[in-house]
Amino acid sequence: MGDKKKKSTTRSDTSLKSLSDHIFFLDRALQSYALRDALVALGARVEMHRDNFKEDAEDVEWLPVVANKGWIILSKDQFNWIERRAIIYANGRAFLLRQGSLPGAAQVDIICGALRRILRILRGTPAPFIARIHLTGRVLVMPTEFRV
């Protein structure tokens, strides 16, 4: 009777099953078919900048639109204070790859490797927020004073 299976409380238990609950938006700087295909293969829904906006659309134009749709912004840009403010004021959620000058395959590996941490933040951190994805796969939400 005491054979009830205990639920693990380790942080690594975050499942990728909830990936399909979110739409990830790959901005102009990060959009690649390799990243899109890798995310889709893991169960994510993905939108790309080129499919939704003109190539020369200013970041301050599309950031609030994407944020208002509830899409999760993935970028390797660090965004200036005006762009960060646009994300915050539109109640957005953004994950910025800290080191953007990596080869595409490395970017795919880092982002896909960080997905459990990204999902944990999405589940536990109310919008708006901006987080950084580090090379180690660590994902940290930026303190409020650096967001705007």
Protein backbone atom coordinates (compact mmCIF):
# COMPACT_ATOMS: atom_id res chain seq x y z
CA MET A 1 0.00 0.00 0.00
CA GLY A 2 2.88 2.35 0.61
CA ASP A 3 4.12 1.80 -2.94
CA LYS A 4 2.93 5.18 -4.16
CA LYS A 5 5.34 6.52 -6.70
CA LYS A 6 6.96 9.70 -5.45
CA LYS A 7 7.02 12.63 -7.82
CA SER A 8 10.52 13.92 -8.36
CA THR A 9 11.14 17.49 -7.30
CA THR A 10 14.37 17.98 -9.19
CA ARG A 11 14.64 20.99 -11.47
CA SER A 12 15.50 18.77 -14.44
CA ASP A 13 11.95 17.41 -14.49
CA THR A 14 10.71 20.20 -16.74
CA SER A 15 9.25 18.48 -19.76
CA LEU A 16 9.28 19.75 -23.30
CA LYS A 17 5.62 18.74 -23.67
CA SER A 18 4.49 22.31 -23.03
CA LEU A 19 6.52 23.65 -25.98
CA SER A 20 3.40 23.51 -28.13
CA ASP A 21 1.65 25.86 -25.68
CA HIS A 22 3.82 28.72 -26.93
CA ILE A 23 4.65 30.31 -30.26
CA PHE A 24 8.31 31.22 -30.60
CA PHE A 25 9.14 34.13 -32.88
CA LEU A 26 12.55 34.10 -34.56
CA ASP A 27 13.52 37.66 -35.31
CA ARG A 28 15.43 38.83 -38.36
CA ALA A 29 18.82 38.33 -36.65
CA LEU A 30 18.14 34.77 -35.50
CA GLN A 31 15.74 33.37 -38.08
CA SER A 32 17.12 30.31 -39.77
CA TYR A 33 15.49 27.24 -41.16
CA ALA A 34 17.87 25.08 -39.10
CA LEU A 35 16.69 26.64 -35.82
CA ARG A 36 13.06 26.61 -36.91
CA ASP A 37 13.25 22.95 -37.92
CA ALA A 38 15.03 21.97 -34.69
CA LEU A 39 12.40 23.71 -32.55
CA VAL A 40 9.53 22.22 -34.55
CA ALA A 41 11.08 18.75 -34.25
CA LEU A 42 10.99 19.19 -30.46
CA GLY A 43 7.30 20.16 -30.59
CA ALA A 44 7.43 23.96 -30.68
CA ARG A 45 5.33 26.22 -32.84
CA VAL A 46 7.50 28.78 -34.64
CA GLU A 47 6.94 32.00 -36.56
CA MET A 48 9.69 33.71 -38.50
CA HIS A 49 10.21 37.42 -39.08
CA ARG A 50 10.32 37.02 -42.88
CA ASP A 51 6.84 35.43 -42.87
CA ASN A 52 5.22 38.24 -40.85
CA PHE A 53 7.01 41.52 -41.52
CA LYS A 54 8.90 43.35 -44.22
CA GLU A 55 12.62 42.68 -44.13
CA ASP A 56 13.39 46.32 -43.32
CA ALA A 57 10.75 46.68 -40.57
CA GLU A 58 12.20 48.55 -37.61
CA ASP A 59 12.44 46.58 -34.38
CA VAL A 60 10.27 49.13 -32.55
CA GLU A 61 7.53 48.44 -35.14
CA TRP A 62 7.35 44.66 -34.88
CA LEU A 63 8.36 44.09 -31.23
CA PRO A 64 5.04 45.34 -29.76
CA VAL A 65 3.04 43.49 -32.41
CA VAL A 66 4.75 40.20 -31.60
CA ALA A 67 4.51 40.82 -27.85
CA ASN A 68 0.81 41.67 -28.06
CA LYS A 69 0.18 38.38 -29.87
CA GLY A 70 1.76 36.60 -26.91
CA TRP A 71 4.56 35.16 -29.01
CA ILE A 72 7.91 34.49 -27.34
CA ILE A 73 10.69 36.55 -28.94
CA LEU A 74 13.96 34.74 -29.64
CA SER A 75 16.83 36.94 -30.80
CA LYS A 76 20.57 37.30 -30.78
CA ASP A 77 20.22 41.10 -30.71
CA GLN A 78 20.61 42.69 -27.30
CA PHE A 79 18.21 45.53 -28.21
CA ASN A 80 18.72 49.14 -27.19
CA TRP A 81 16.74 50.76 -24.39
CA ILE A 82 13.97 51.93 -26.75
CA GLU A 83 13.50 48.40 -28.10
CA ARG A 84 13.61 46.87 -24.61
CA ARG A 85 11.04 49.44 -23.51
CA ALA A 86 8.80 48.41 -26.46
CA ILE A 87 8.96 44.79 -25.26
CA ILE A 88 8.18 45.71 -21.66
CA TYR A 89 5.35 48.15 -22.46
CA ALA A 90 3.71 45.55 -24.74
CA ASN A 91 3.89 42.97 -21.91
CA GLY A 92 6.33 40.91 -23.98
CA ARG A 93 8.60 38.01 -23.21
CA ALA A 94 11.98 37.82 -24.90
CA PHE A 95 14.98 35.51 -24.74
CA LEU A 96 18.18 36.97 -26.13
CA LEU A 97 21.15 34.80 -27.04
CA ARG A 98 24.03 36.42 -25.17
CA GLN A 99 26.71 35.66 -27.77
CA GLY A 100 25.28 36.26 -31.22
CA SER A 101 28.43 35.80 -33.30
CA LEU A 102 28.40 32.02 -33.06
CA PRO A 103 27.95 29.72 -36.06
CA GLY A 104 24.35 28.77 -36.75
CA ALA A 105 24.74 25.17 -35.55
CA ALA A 106 26.09 26.37 -32.20
CA GLN A 107 23.16 28.78 -31.82
CA VAL A 108 20.74 25.93 -32.48
CA ASP A 109 22.49 23.71 -29.91
CA ILE A 110 22.52 26.40 -27.22
CA ILE A 111 18.89 27.45 -27.69
CA CYS A 112 17.56 23.89 -27.93
CA GLY A 113 19.66 22.91 -24.93
CA ALA A 114 18.17 25.79 -22.92
CA LEU A 115 14.52 25.00 -23.73
CA ARG A 116 13.73 23.38 -20.38
CA ARG A 117 15.05 26.46 -18.58
CA ILE A 118 13.13 28.72 -20.97
CA LEU A 119 9.91 26.82 -20.27
CA ARG A 120 10.54 27.01 -16.52
CA ILE A 121 10.87 30.80 -16.80
CA LEU A 122 7.76 31.05 -18.98
CA ARG A 123 5.82 29.06 -16.40
CA GLY A 124 7.13 30.90 -13.34
CA THR A 125 7.80 34.49 -14.40
CA PRO A 126 4.95 36.83 -15.23
CA ALA A 127 5.28 39.00 -18.32
CA PRO A 128 6.86 41.30 -19.15
CA PHE A 129 10.44 40.15 -18.98
CA ILE A 130 13.64 39.91 -20.97
CA ALA A 131 16.01 37.02 -20.32
CA ARG A 132 19.45 36.19 -21.62
CA ILE A 133 20.55 32.78 -22.83
CA HIS A 134 24.23 32.25 -21.99
CA LEU A 135 26.69 30.01 -23.83
CA THR A 136 26.53 27.54 -20.96
CA GLY A 137 22.78 27.16 -21.50
CA ARG A 138 22.04 29.14 -18.36
CA VAL A 139 19.02 31.44 -18.79
CA LEU A 140 18.68 34.48 -16.55
CA VAL A 141 15.91 37.06 -16.42
CA MET A 142 17.40 40.55 -16.61
CA PRO A 143 16.88 42.71 -13.53
CA THR A 144 14.18 45.34 -13.94
CA GLU A 145 16.61 48.26 -14.01
CA PHE A 146 18.27 46.89 -17.16
CA ARG A 147 15.04 46.21 -19.02
CA VAL A 148 14.08 49.80 -19.82
